[in-house]
Amino acid sequence: KLVIGGSNPHLETLGTDVRRSKFAVEL
């Protein structure tokens, strides 16, 4: 589980990383 704040400027990039990951991950 990846916990990020609402002020994180990389939300879109992280969403892409999560979709491409090879393990179960929740943002």
mmCIF file of all heavy atoms, coordinates in Angstrom:
data_MODEL
# 
_entry.id   MODEL 
# 
loop_
_atom_site.group_PDB 
_atom_site.id 
_atom_site.type_symbol 
_atom_site.label_atom_id 
_atom_site.label_alt_id 
_atom_site.label_comp_id 
_atom_site.label_asym_id 
_atom_site.label_entity_id 
_atom_site.label_seq_id 
_atom_site.pdbx_PDB_ins_code 
_atom_site.Cartn_x 
_atom_site.Cartn_y 
_atom_site.Cartn_z 
_atom_site.occupancy 
_atom_site.B_iso_or_equiv 
_atom_site.pdbx_formal_charge 
_atom_site.auth_seq_id 
_atom_site.auth_comp_id 
_atom_site.auth_asym_id 
_atom_site.auth_atom_id 
_atom_site.pdbx_PDB_model_num 
ATOM 1   N N   . LYS A 1 1  ? 0.873  -1.178 0.000   1.00 0.00 ? 1  LYS A N   1 
ATOM 2   C CA  . LYS A 1 1  ? 0.000  0.000  0.000   1.00 0.00 ? 1  LYS A CA  1 
ATOM 3   C C   . LYS A 1 1  ? 0.908  1.225  0.000   1.00 0.00 ? 1  LYS A C   1 
ATOM 4   O O   . LYS A 1 1  ? 1.782  1.361  0.856   1.00 0.00 ? 1  LYS A O   1 
ATOM 5   C CB  . LYS A 1 1  ? -0.921 0.006  1.215   1.00 0.00 ? 1  LYS A CB  1 
ATOM 6   C CG  . LYS A 1 1  ? -1.946 -1.142 1.236   1.00 0.00 ? 1  LYS A CG  1 
ATOM 7   C CD  . LYS A 1 1  ? -2.868 -1.023 2.428   1.00 0.00 ? 1  LYS A CD  1 
ATOM 8   C CE  . LYS A 1 1  ? -3.784 -2.227 2.551   1.00 0.00 ? 1  LYS A CE  1 
ATOM 9   N NZ  . LYS A 1 1  ? -4.778 -2.336 1.467   1.00 0.00 ? 1  LYS A NZ  1 
ATOM 10  N N   . LEU A 1 2  ? 0.704  2.102  -0.978  1.00 0.00 ? 2  LEU A N   1 
ATOM 11  C CA  . LEU A 1 2  ? 1.484  3.324  -1.096  1.00 0.00 ? 2  LEU A CA  1 
ATOM 12  C C   . LEU A 1 2  ? 0.632  4.484  -0.597  1.00 0.00 ? 2  LEU A C   1 
ATOM 13  O O   . LEU A 1 2  ? -0.387 4.818  -1.206  1.00 0.00 ? 2  LEU A O   1 
ATOM 14  C CB  . LEU A 1 2  ? 1.891  3.573  -2.551  1.00 0.00 ? 2  LEU A CB  1 
ATOM 15  C CG  . LEU A 1 2  ? 2.510  2.418  -3.337  1.00 0.00 ? 2  LEU A CG  1 
ATOM 16  C CD1 . LEU A 1 2  ? 2.824  2.880  -4.758  1.00 0.00 ? 2  LEU A CD1 1 
ATOM 17  C CD2 . LEU A 1 2  ? 3.757  1.915  -2.650  1.00 0.00 ? 2  LEU A CD2 1 
ATOM 18  N N   . VAL A 1 3  ? 1.042  5.100  0.496   1.00 0.00 ? 3  VAL A N   1 
ATOM 19  C CA  . VAL A 1 3  ? 0.288  6.201  1.081   1.00 0.00 ? 3  VAL A CA  1 
ATOM 20  C C   . VAL A 1 3  ? 0.959  7.513  0.685   1.00 0.00 ? 3  VAL A C   1 
ATOM 21  O O   . VAL A 1 3  ? 2.134  7.739  0.991   1.00 0.00 ? 3  VAL A O   1 
ATOM 22  C CB  . VAL A 1 3  ? 0.234  6.080  2.617   1.00 0.00 ? 3  VAL A CB  1 
ATOM 23  C CG1 . VAL A 1 3  ? -0.527 7.260  3.216   1.00 0.00 ? 3  VAL A CG1 1 
ATOM 24  C CG2 . VAL A 1 3  ? -0.422 4.764  3.020   1.00 0.00 ? 3  VAL A CG2 1 
ATOM 25  N N   . ILE A 1 4  ? 0.211  8.369  0.010   1.00 0.00 ? 4  ILE A N   1 
ATOM 26  C CA  . ILE A 1 4  ? 0.757  9.669  -0.391  1.00 0.00 ? 4  ILE A CA  1 
ATOM 27  C C   . ILE A 1 4  ? -0.210 10.770 0.040   1.00 0.00 ? 4  ILE A C   1 
ATOM 28  O O   . ILE A 1 4  ? -1.405 10.523 0.253   1.00 0.00 ? 4  ILE A O   1 
ATOM 29  C CB  . ILE A 1 4  ? 1.013  9.761  -1.910  1.00 0.00 ? 4  ILE A CB  1 
ATOM 30  C CG1 . ILE A 1 4  ? -0.297 9.701  -2.682  1.00 0.00 ? 4  ILE A CG1 1 
ATOM 31  C CG2 . ILE A 1 4  ? 1.956  8.656  -2.357  1.00 0.00 ? 4  ILE A CG2 1 
ATOM 32  C CD1 . ILE A 1 4  ? -0.149 9.995  -4.161  1.00 0.00 ? 4  ILE A CD1 1 
ATOM 33  N N   . GLY A 1 5  ? 0.309  11.981 0.187   1.00 0.00 ? 5  GLY A N   1 
ATOM 34  C CA  . GLY A 1 5  ? -0.520 13.119 0.564   1.00 0.00 ? 5  GLY A CA  1 
ATOM 35  C C   . GLY A 1 5  ? -1.144 13.781 -0.643  1.00 0.00 ? 5  GLY A C   1 
ATOM 36  O O   . GLY A 1 5  ? -0.699 13.612 -1.783  1.00 0.00 ? 5  GLY A O   1 
ATOM 37  N N   . GLY A 1 6  ? -2.171 14.557 -0.370  1.00 0.00 ? 6  GLY A N   1 
ATOM 38  C CA  . GLY A 1 6  ? -2.849 15.260 -1.450  1.00 0.00 ? 6  GLY A CA  1 
ATOM 39  C C   . GLY A 1 6  ? -1.988 16.319 -2.104  1.00 0.00 ? 6  GLY A C   1 
ATOM 40  O O   . GLY A 1 6  ? -2.289 16.782 -3.204  1.00 0.00 ? 6  GLY A O   1 
ATOM 41  N N   . SER A 1 7  ? -0.888 16.708 -1.427  1.00 0.00 ? 7  SER A N   1 
ATOM 42  C CA  . SER A 1 7  ? 0.011  17.705 -2.001  1.00 0.00 ? 7  SER A CA  1 
ATOM 43  C C   . SER A 1 7  ? 1.125  17.070 -2.831  1.00 0.00 ? 7  SER A C   1 
ATOM 44  O O   . SER A 1 7  ? 2.009  17.770 -3.316  1.00 0.00 ? 7  SER A O   1 
ATOM 45  C CB  . SER A 1 7  ? 0.625  18.559 -0.884  1.00 0.00 ? 7  SER A CB  1 
ATOM 46  O OG  . SER A 1 7  ? 1.314  17.751 0.051   1.00 0.00 ? 7  SER A OG  1 
ATOM 47  N N   . ASN A 1 8  ? 1.087  15.763 -3.011  1.00 0.00 ? 8  ASN A N   1 
ATOM 48  C CA  . ASN A 1 8  ? 2.101  15.088 -3.816  1.00 0.00 ? 8  ASN A CA  1 
ATOM 49  C C   . ASN A 1 8  ? 1.945  15.484 -5.283  1.00 0.00 ? 8  ASN A C   1 
ATOM 50  O O   . ASN A 1 8  ? 0.870  15.278 -5.873  1.00 0.00 ? 8  ASN A O   1 
ATOM 51  C CB  . ASN A 1 8  ? 1.969  13.578 -3.665  1.00 0.00 ? 8  ASN A CB  1 
ATOM 52  C CG  . ASN A 1 8  ? 3.140  12.809 -4.266  1.00 0.00 ? 8  ASN A CG  1 
ATOM 53  O OD1 . ASN A 1 8  ? 3.448  12.964 -5.451  1.00 0.00 ? 8  ASN A OD1 1 
ATOM 54  N ND2 . ASN A 1 8  ? 3.778  11.979 -3.477  1.00 0.00 ? 8  ASN A ND2 1 
ATOM 55  N N   . PRO A 1 9  ? 2.991  16.048 -5.893  1.00 0.00 ? 9  PRO A N   1 
ATOM 56  C CA  . PRO A 1 9  ? 2.866  16.527 -7.272  1.00 0.00 ? 9  PRO A CA  1 
ATOM 57  C C   . PRO A 1 9  ? 3.026  15.428 -8.323  1.00 0.00 ? 9  PRO A C   1 
ATOM 58  O O   . PRO A 1 9  ? 2.984  15.726 -9.521  1.00 0.00 ? 9  PRO A O   1 
ATOM 59  C CB  . PRO A 1 9  ? 4.008  17.543 -7.379  1.00 0.00 ? 9  PRO A CB  1 
ATOM 60  C CG  . PRO A 1 9  ? 5.051  17.032 -6.437  1.00 0.00 ? 9  PRO A CG  1 
ATOM 61  C CD  . PRO A 1 9  ? 4.304  16.385 -5.299  1.00 0.00 ? 9  PRO A CD  1 
ATOM 62  N N   . HIS A 1 10 ? 3.227  14.182 -7.890  1.00 0.00 ? 10 HIS A N   1 
ATOM 63  C CA  . HIS A 1 10 ? 3.541  13.099 -8.825  1.00 0.00 ? 10 HIS A CA  1 
ATOM 64  C C   . HIS A 1 10 ? 2.430  12.061 -8.911  1.00 0.00 ? 10 HIS A C   1 
ATOM 65  O O   . HIS A 1 10 ? 2.683  10.903 -9.255  1.00 0.00 ? 10 HIS A O   1 
ATOM 66  C CB  . HIS A 1 10 ? 4.847  12.412 -8.406  1.00 0.00 ? 10 HIS A CB  1 
ATOM 67  C CG  . HIS A 1 10 ? 5.993  13.353 -8.203  1.00 0.00 ? 10 HIS A CG  1 
ATOM 68  N ND1 . HIS A 1 10 ? 6.618  13.998 -9.242  1.00 0.00 ? 10 HIS A ND1 1 
ATOM 69  C CD2 . HIS A 1 10 ? 6.596  13.779 -7.068  1.00 0.00 ? 10 HIS A CD2 1 
ATOM 70  C CE1 . HIS A 1 10 ? 7.581  14.776 -8.764  1.00 0.00 ? 10 HIS A CE1 1 
ATOM 71  N NE2 . HIS A 1 10 ? 7.583  14.658 -7.449  1.00 0.00 ? 10 HIS A NE2 1 
ATOM 72  N N   . LEU A 1 11 ? 1.202  12.455 -8.597  1.00 0.00 ? 11 LEU A N   1 
ATOM 73  C CA  . LEU A 1 11 ? 0.101  11.503 -8.544  1.00 0.00 ? 11 LEU A CA  1 
ATOM 74  C C   . LEU A 1 11 ? -0.092 10.762 -9.873  1.00 0.00 ? 11 LEU A C   1 
ATOM 75  O O   . LEU A 1 11 ? -0.261 9.540  -9.894  1.00 0.00 ? 11 LEU A O   1 
ATOM 76  C CB  . LEU A 1 11 ? -1.190 12.232 -8.146  1.00 0.00 ? 11 LEU A CB  1 
ATOM 77  C CG  . LEU A 1 11 ? -2.446 11.366 -8.022  1.00 0.00 ? 11 LEU A CG  1 
ATOM 78  C CD1 . LEU A 1 11 ? -2.243 10.261 -6.998  1.00 0.00 ? 11 LEU A CD1 1 
ATOM 79  C CD2 . LEU A 1 11 ? -3.646 12.233 -7.635  1.00 0.00 ? 11 LEU A CD2 1 
ATOM 80  N N   . GLU A 1 12 ? -0.036 11.476 -10.978 1.00 0.00 ? 12 GLU A N   1 
ATOM 81  C CA  . GLU A 1 12 ? -0.251 10.842 -12.281 1.00 0.00 ? 12 GLU A CA  1 
ATOM 82  C C   . GLU A 1 12 ? 0.850  9.827  -12.589 1.00 0.00 ? 12 GLU A C   1 
ATOM 83  O O   . GLU A 1 12 ? 0.576  8.705  -13.040 1.00 0.00 ? 12 GLU A O   1 
ATOM 84  C CB  . GLU A 1 12 ? -0.310 11.909 -13.371 1.00 0.00 ? 12 GLU A CB  1 
ATOM 85  C CG  . GLU A 1 12 ? -0.635 11.358 -14.748 1.00 0.00 ? 12 GLU A CG  1 
ATOM 86  C CD  . GLU A 1 12 ? -0.796 12.453 -15.790 1.00 0.00 ? 12 GLU A CD  1 
ATOM 87  O OE1 . GLU A 1 12 ? -0.896 13.636 -15.406 1.00 0.00 ? 12 GLU A OE1 1 
ATOM 88  O OE2 . GLU A 1 12 ? -0.803 12.115 -16.988 1.00 0.00 ? 12 GLU A OE2 1 
ATOM 89  N N   . THR A 1 13 ? 2.096  10.204 -12.315 1.00 0.00 ? 13 THR A N   1 
ATOM 90  C CA  . THR A 1 13 ? 3.220  9.283  -12.547 1.00 0.00 ? 13 THR A CA  1 
ATOM 91  C C   . THR A 1 13 ? 3.092  8.044  -11.675 1.00 0.00 ? 13 THR A C   1 
ATOM 92  O O   . THR A 1 13 ? 3.317  6.917  -12.142 1.00 0.00 ? 13 THR A O   1 
ATOM 93  C CB  . THR A 1 13 ? 4.554  9.991  -12.246 1.00 0.00 ? 13 THR A CB  1 
ATOM 94  O OG1 . THR A 1 13 ? 4.693  11.109 -13.117 1.00 0.00 ? 13 THR A OG1 1 
ATOM 95  C CG2 . THR A 1 13 ? 5.729  9.044  -12.437 1.00 0.00 ? 13 THR A CG2 1 
ATOM 96  N N   . LEU A 1 14 ? 2.727  8.239  -10.432 1.00 0.00 ? 14 LEU A N   1 
ATOM 97  C CA  . LEU A 1 14 ? 2.591  7.098  -9.520  1.00 0.00 ? 14 LEU A CA  1 
ATOM 98  C C   . LEU A 1 14 ? 1.457  6.179  -9.958  1.00 0.00 ? 14 LEU A C   1 
ATOM 99  O O   . LEU A 1 14 ? 1.567  4.950  -9.843  1.00 0.00 ? 14 LEU A O   1 
ATOM 100 C CB  . LEU A 1 14 ? 2.355  7.600  -8.096  1.00 0.00 ? 14 LEU A CB  1 
ATOM 101 C CG  . LEU A 1 14 ? 3.575  8.229  -7.421  1.00 0.00 ? 14 LEU A CG  1 
ATOM 102 C CD1 . LEU A 1 14 ? 3.172  8.919  -6.120  1.00 0.00 ? 14 LEU A CD1 1 
ATOM 103 C CD2 . LEU A 1 14 ? 4.644  7.173  -7.144  1.00 0.00 ? 14 LEU A CD2 1 
ATOM 104 N N   . GLY A 1 15 ? 0.380  6.765  -10.470 1.00 0.00 ? 15 GLY A N   1 
ATOM 105 C CA  . GLY A 1 15 ? -0.708 5.937  -10.976 1.00 0.00 ? 15 GLY A CA  1 
ATOM 106 C C   . GLY A 1 15 ? -0.244 5.034  -12.107 1.00 0.00 ? 15 GLY A C   1 
ATOM 107 O O   . GLY A 1 15 ? -0.609 3.855  -12.176 1.00 0.00 ? 15 GLY A O   1 
ATOM 108 N N   . THR A 1 16 ? 0.586  5.573  -12.991 1.00 0.00 ? 16 THR A N   1 
ATOM 109 C CA  . THR A 1 16 ? 1.142  4.774  -14.090 1.00 0.00 ? 16 THR A CA  1 
ATOM 110 C C   . THR A 1 16 ? 2.064  3.684  -13.545 1.00 0.00 ? 16 THR A C   1 
ATOM 111 O O   . THR A 1 16 ? 2.023  2.525  -13.994 1.00 0.00 ? 16 THR A O   1 
ATOM 112 C CB  . THR A 1 16 ? 1.924  5.685  -15.058 1.00 0.00 ? 16 THR A CB  1 
ATOM 113 O OG1 . THR A 1 16 ? 1.045  6.676  -15.592 1.00 0.00 ? 16 THR A OG1 1 
ATOM 114 C CG2 . THR A 1 16 ? 2.533  4.869  -16.193 1.00 0.00 ? 16 THR A CG2 1 
ATOM 115 N N   . ASP A 1 17 ? 2.908  4.031  -12.566 1.00 0.00 ? 17 ASP A N   1 
ATOM 116 C CA  . ASP A 1 17 ? 3.813  3.047  -11.973 1.00 0.00 ? 17 ASP A CA  1 
ATOM 117 C C   . ASP A 1 17 ? 3.035  1.900  -11.325 1.00 0.00 ? 17 ASP A C   1 
ATOM 118 O O   . ASP A 1 17 ? 3.427  0.728  -11.429 1.00 0.00 ? 17 ASP A O   1 
ATOM 119 C CB  . ASP A 1 17 ? 4.693  3.716  -10.911 1.00 0.00 ? 17 ASP A CB  1 
ATOM 120 C CG  . ASP A 1 17 ? 5.693  4.683  -11.504 1.00 0.00 ? 17 ASP A CG  1 
ATOM 121 O OD1 . ASP A 1 17 ? 5.953  4.595  -12.724 1.00 0.00 ? 17 ASP A OD1 1 
ATOM 122 O OD2 . ASP A 1 17 ? 6.211  5.536  -10.751 1.00 0.00 ? 17 ASP A OD2 1 
ATOM 123 N N   . VAL A 1 18 ? 1.952  2.228  -10.646 1.00 0.00 ? 18 VAL A N   1 
ATOM 124 C CA  . VAL A 1 18 ? 1.141  1.206  -9.991  1.00 0.00 ? 18 VAL A CA  1 
ATOM 125 C C   . VAL A 1 18 ? 0.534  0.255  -11.019 1.00 0.00 ? 18 VAL A C   1 
ATOM 126 O O   . VAL A 1 18 ? 0.541  -0.974 -10.842 1.00 0.00 ? 18 VAL A O   1 
ATOM 127 C CB  . VAL A 1 18 ? 0.045  1.876  -9.127  1.00 0.00 ? 18 VAL A CB  1 
ATOM 128 C CG1 . VAL A 1 18 ? -1.023 0.862  -8.720  1.00 0.00 ? 18 VAL A CG1 1 
ATOM 129 C CG2 . VAL A 1 18 ? 0.656  2.518  -7.891  1.00 0.00 ? 18 VAL A CG2 1 
ATOM 130 N N   . ARG A 1 19 ? 0.017  0.790  -12.109 1.00 0.00 ? 19 ARG A N   1 
ATOM 131 C CA  . ARG A 1 19 ? -0.590 -0.058 -13.136 1.00 0.00 ? 19 ARG A CA  1 
ATOM 132 C C   . ARG A 1 19 ? 0.432  -0.972 -13.797 1.00 0.00 ? 19 ARG A C   1 
ATOM 133 O O   . ARG A 1 19 ? 0.095  -2.093 -14.217 1.00 0.00 ? 19 ARG A O   1 
ATOM 134 C CB  . ARG A 1 19 ? -1.279 0.816  -14.191 1.00 0.00 ? 19 ARG A CB  1 
ATOM 135 C CG  . ARG A 1 19 ? -2.550 1.501  -13.690 1.00 0.00 ? 19 ARG A CG  1 
ATOM 136 C CD  . ARG A 1 19 ? -3.303 2.175  -14.822 1.00 0.00 ? 19 ARG A CD  1 
ATOM 137 N NE  . ARG A 1 19 ? -2.559 3.297  -15.395 1.00 0.00 ? 19 ARG A NE  1 
ATOM 138 C CZ  . ARG A 1 19 ? -2.624 4.532  -14.945 1.00 0.00 ? 19 ARG A CZ  1 
ATOM 139 N NH1 . ARG A 1 19 ? -3.403 4.816  -13.906 1.00 0.00 ? 19 ARG A NH1 1 
ATOM 140 N NH2 . ARG A 1 19 ? -1.933 5.511  -15.536 1.00 0.00 ? 19 ARG A NH2 1 
ATOM 141 N N   . ARG A 1 20 ? 1.675  -0.534 -13.876 1.00 0.00 ? 20 ARG A N   1 
ATOM 142 C CA  . ARG A 1 20 ? 2.709  -1.327 -14.533 1.00 0.00 ? 20 ARG A CA  1 
ATOM 143 C C   . ARG A 1 20 ? 3.426  -2.291 -13.584 1.00 0.00 ? 20 ARG A C   1 
ATOM 144 O O   . ARG A 1 20 ? 4.208  -3.136 -14.034 1.00 0.00 ? 20 ARG A O   1 
ATOM 145 C CB  . ARG A 1 20 ? 3.743  -0.396 -15.159 1.00 0.00 ? 20 ARG A CB  1 
ATOM 146 C CG  . ARG A 1 20 ? 3.221  0.422  -16.332 1.00 0.00 ? 20 ARG A CG  1 
ATOM 147 C CD  . ARG A 1 20 ? 4.286  1.404  -16.802 1.00 0.00 ? 20 ARG A CD  1 
ATOM 148 N NE  . ARG A 1 20 ? 3.852  2.164  -17.972 1.00 0.00 ? 20 ARG A NE  1 
ATOM 149 C CZ  . ARG A 1 20 ? 4.535  3.163  -18.512 1.00 0.00 ? 20 ARG A CZ  1 
ATOM 150 N NH1 . ARG A 1 20 ? 5.706  3.541  -17.977 1.00 0.00 ? 20 ARG A NH1 1 
ATOM 151 N NH2 . ARG A 1 20 ? 4.071  3.806  -19.569 1.00 0.00 ? 20 ARG A NH2 1 
ATOM 152 N N   . SER A 1 21 ? 3.192  -2.166 -12.299 1.00 0.00 ? 21 SER A N   1 
ATOM 153 C CA  . SER A 1 21 ? 3.946  -2.970 -11.331 1.00 0.00 ? 21 SER A CA  1 
ATOM 154 C C   . SER A 1 21 ? 3.614  -4.459 -11.463 1.00 0.00 ? 21 SER A C   1 
ATOM 155 O O   . SER A 1 21 ? 2.518  -4.835 -11.890 1.00 0.00 ? 21 SER A O   1 
ATOM 156 C CB  . SER A 1 21 ? 3.644  -2.491 -9.911  1.00 0.00 ? 21 SER A CB  1 
ATOM 157 O OG  . SER A 1 21 ? 2.303  -2.764 -9.575  1.00 0.00 ? 21 SER A OG  1 
ATOM 158 N N   . LYS A 1 22 ? 4.573  -5.289 -11.060 1.00 0.00 ? 22 LYS A N   1 
ATOM 159 C CA  . LYS A 1 22 ? 4.420  -6.741 -11.162 1.00 0.00 ? 22 LYS A CA  1 
ATOM 160 C C   . LYS A 1 22 ? 3.958  -7.372 -9.851  1.00 0.00 ? 22 LYS A C   1 
ATOM 161 O O   . LYS A 1 22 ? 3.914  -8.585 -9.724  1.00 0.00 ? 22 LYS A O   1 
ATOM 162 C CB  . LYS A 1 22 ? 5.749  -7.360 -11.595 1.00 0.00 ? 22 LYS A CB  1 
ATOM 163 C CG  . LYS A 1 22 ? 6.248  -6.856 -12.943 1.00 0.00 ? 22 LYS A CG  1 
ATOM 164 C CD  . LYS A 1 22 ? 7.637  -7.375 -13.249 1.00 0.00 ? 22 LYS A CD  1 
ATOM 165 C CE  . LYS A 1 22 ? 8.173  -6.782 -14.546 1.00 0.00 ? 22 LYS A CE  1 
ATOM 166 N NZ  . LYS A 1 22 ? 9.579  -7.197 -14.810 1.00 0.00 ? 22 LYS A NZ  1 
ATOM 167 N N   . PHE A 1 23 ? 3.617  -6.538 -8.872  1.00 0.00 ? 23 PHE A N   1 
ATOM 168 C CA  . PHE A 1 23 ? 3.121  -7.060 -7.596  1.00 0.00 ? 23 PHE A CA  1 
ATOM 169 C C   . PHE A 1 23 ? 1.832  -6.314 -7.241  1.00 0.00 ? 23 PHE A C   1 
ATOM 170 O O   . PHE A 1 23 ? 1.514  -5.271 -7.829  1.00 0.00 ? 23 PHE A O   1 
ATOM 171 C CB  . PHE A 1 23 ? 4.165  -6.900 -6.494  1.00 0.00 ? 23 PHE A CB  1 
ATOM 172 C CG  . PHE A 1 23 ? 4.604  -5.470 -6.255  1.00 0.00 ? 23 PHE A CG  1 
ATOM 173 C CD1 . PHE A 1 23 ? 4.043  -4.707 -5.243  1.00 0.00 ? 23 PHE A CD1 1 
ATOM 174 C CD2 . PHE A 1 23 ? 5.583  -4.879 -7.053  1.00 0.00 ? 23 PHE A CD2 1 
ATOM 175 C CE1 . PHE A 1 23 ? 4.435  -3.397 -5.031  1.00 0.00 ? 23 PHE A CE1 1 
ATOM 176 C CE2 . PHE A 1 23 ? 5.988  -3.568 -6.838  1.00 0.00 ? 23 PHE A CE2 1 
ATOM 177 C CZ  . PHE A 1 23 ? 5.410  -2.818 -5.830  1.00 0.00 ? 23 PHE A CZ  1 
ATOM 178 N N   . ALA A 1 24 ? 1.089  -6.862 -6.302  1.00 0.00 ? 24 ALA A N   1 
ATOM 179 C CA  . ALA A 1 24 ? -0.184 -6.256 -5.904  1.00 0.00 ? 24 ALA A CA  1 
ATOM 180 C C   . ALA A 1 24 ? 0.087  -4.976 -5.125  1.00 0.00 ? 24 ALA A C   1 
ATOM 181 O O   . ALA A 1 24 ? 0.759  -4.999 -4.091  1.00 0.00 ? 24 ALA A O   1 
ATOM 182 C CB  . ALA A 1 24 ? -0.984 -7.230 -5.042  1.00 0.00 ? 24 ALA A CB  1 
ATOM 183 N N   . VAL A 1 25 ? -0.441 -3.854 -5.610  1.00 0.00 ? 25 VAL A N   1 
ATOM 184 C CA  . VAL A 1 25 ? -0.161 -2.572 -4.970  1.00 0.00 ? 25 VAL A CA  1 
ATOM 185 C C   . VAL A 1 25 ? -1.382 -1.665 -5.057  1.00 0.00 ? 25 VAL A C   1 
ATOM 186 O O   . VAL A 1 25 ? -2.073 -1.624 -6.081  1.00 0.00 ? 25 VAL A O   1 
ATOM 187 C CB  . VAL A 1 25 ? 1.077  -1.899 -5.603  1.00 0.00 ? 25 VAL A CB  1 
ATOM 188 C CG1 . VAL A 1 25 ? 0.919  -1.740 -7.102  1.00 0.00 ? 25 VAL A CG1 1 
ATOM 189 C CG2 . VAL A 1 25 ? 1.382  -0.565 -4.936  1.00 0.00 ? 25 VAL A CG2 1 
ATOM 190 N N   . GLU A 1 26 ? -1.634 -0.962 -3.972  1.00 0.00 ? 26 GLU A N   1 
ATOM 191 C CA  . GLU A 1 26 ? -2.750 -0.026 -3.893  1.00 0.00 ? 26 GLU A CA  1 
ATOM 192 C C   . GLU A 1 26 ? -2.220 1.358  -3.554  1.00 0.00 ? 26 GLU A C   1 
ATOM 193 O O   . GLU A 1 26 ? -1.374 1.521  -2.668  1.00 0.00 ? 26 GLU A O   1 
ATOM 194 C CB  . GLU A 1 26 ? -3.749 -0.464 -2.815  1.00 0.00 ? 26 GLU A CB  1 
ATOM 195 C CG  . GLU A 1 26 ? -4.910 0.491  -2.609  1.00 0.00 ? 26 GLU A CG  1 
ATOM 196 C CD  . GLU A 1 26 ? -5.791 0.110  -1.434  1.00 0.00 ? 26 GLU A CD  1 
ATOM 197 O OE1 . GLU A 1 26 ? -5.523 -0.935 -0.803  1.00 0.00 ? 26 GLU A OE1 1 
ATOM 198 O OE2 . GLU A 1 26 ? -6.737 0.865  -1.142  1.00 0.00 ? 26 GLU A OE2 1 
ATOM 199 N N   . LEU A 1 27 ? -2.719 2.366  -4.264  1.00 0.00 ? 27 LEU A N   1 
ATOM 200 C CA  . LEU A 1 27 ? -2.338 3.743  -4.010  1.00 0.00 ? 27 LEU A CA  1 
ATOM 201 C C   . LEU A 1 27 ? -3.403 4.389  -3.126  1.00 0.00 ? 27 LEU A C   1 
ATOM 202 O O   . LEU A 1 27 ? -4.584 4.420  -3.474  1.00 0.00 ? 27 LEU A O   1 
ATOM 203 C CB  . LEU A 1 27 ? -2.208 4.500  -5.332  1.00 0.00 ? 27 LEU A CB  1 
ATOM 204 C CG  . LEU A 1 27 ? -1.592 5.894  -5.288  1.00 0.00 ? 27 LEU A CG  1 
ATOM 205 C CD1 . LEU A 1 27 ? -0.158 5.854  -4.771  1.00 0.00 ? 27 LEU A CD1 1 
ATOM 206 C CD2 . LEU A 1 27 ? -1.632 6.540  -6.675  1.00 0.00 ? 27 LEU A CD2 1 
# 
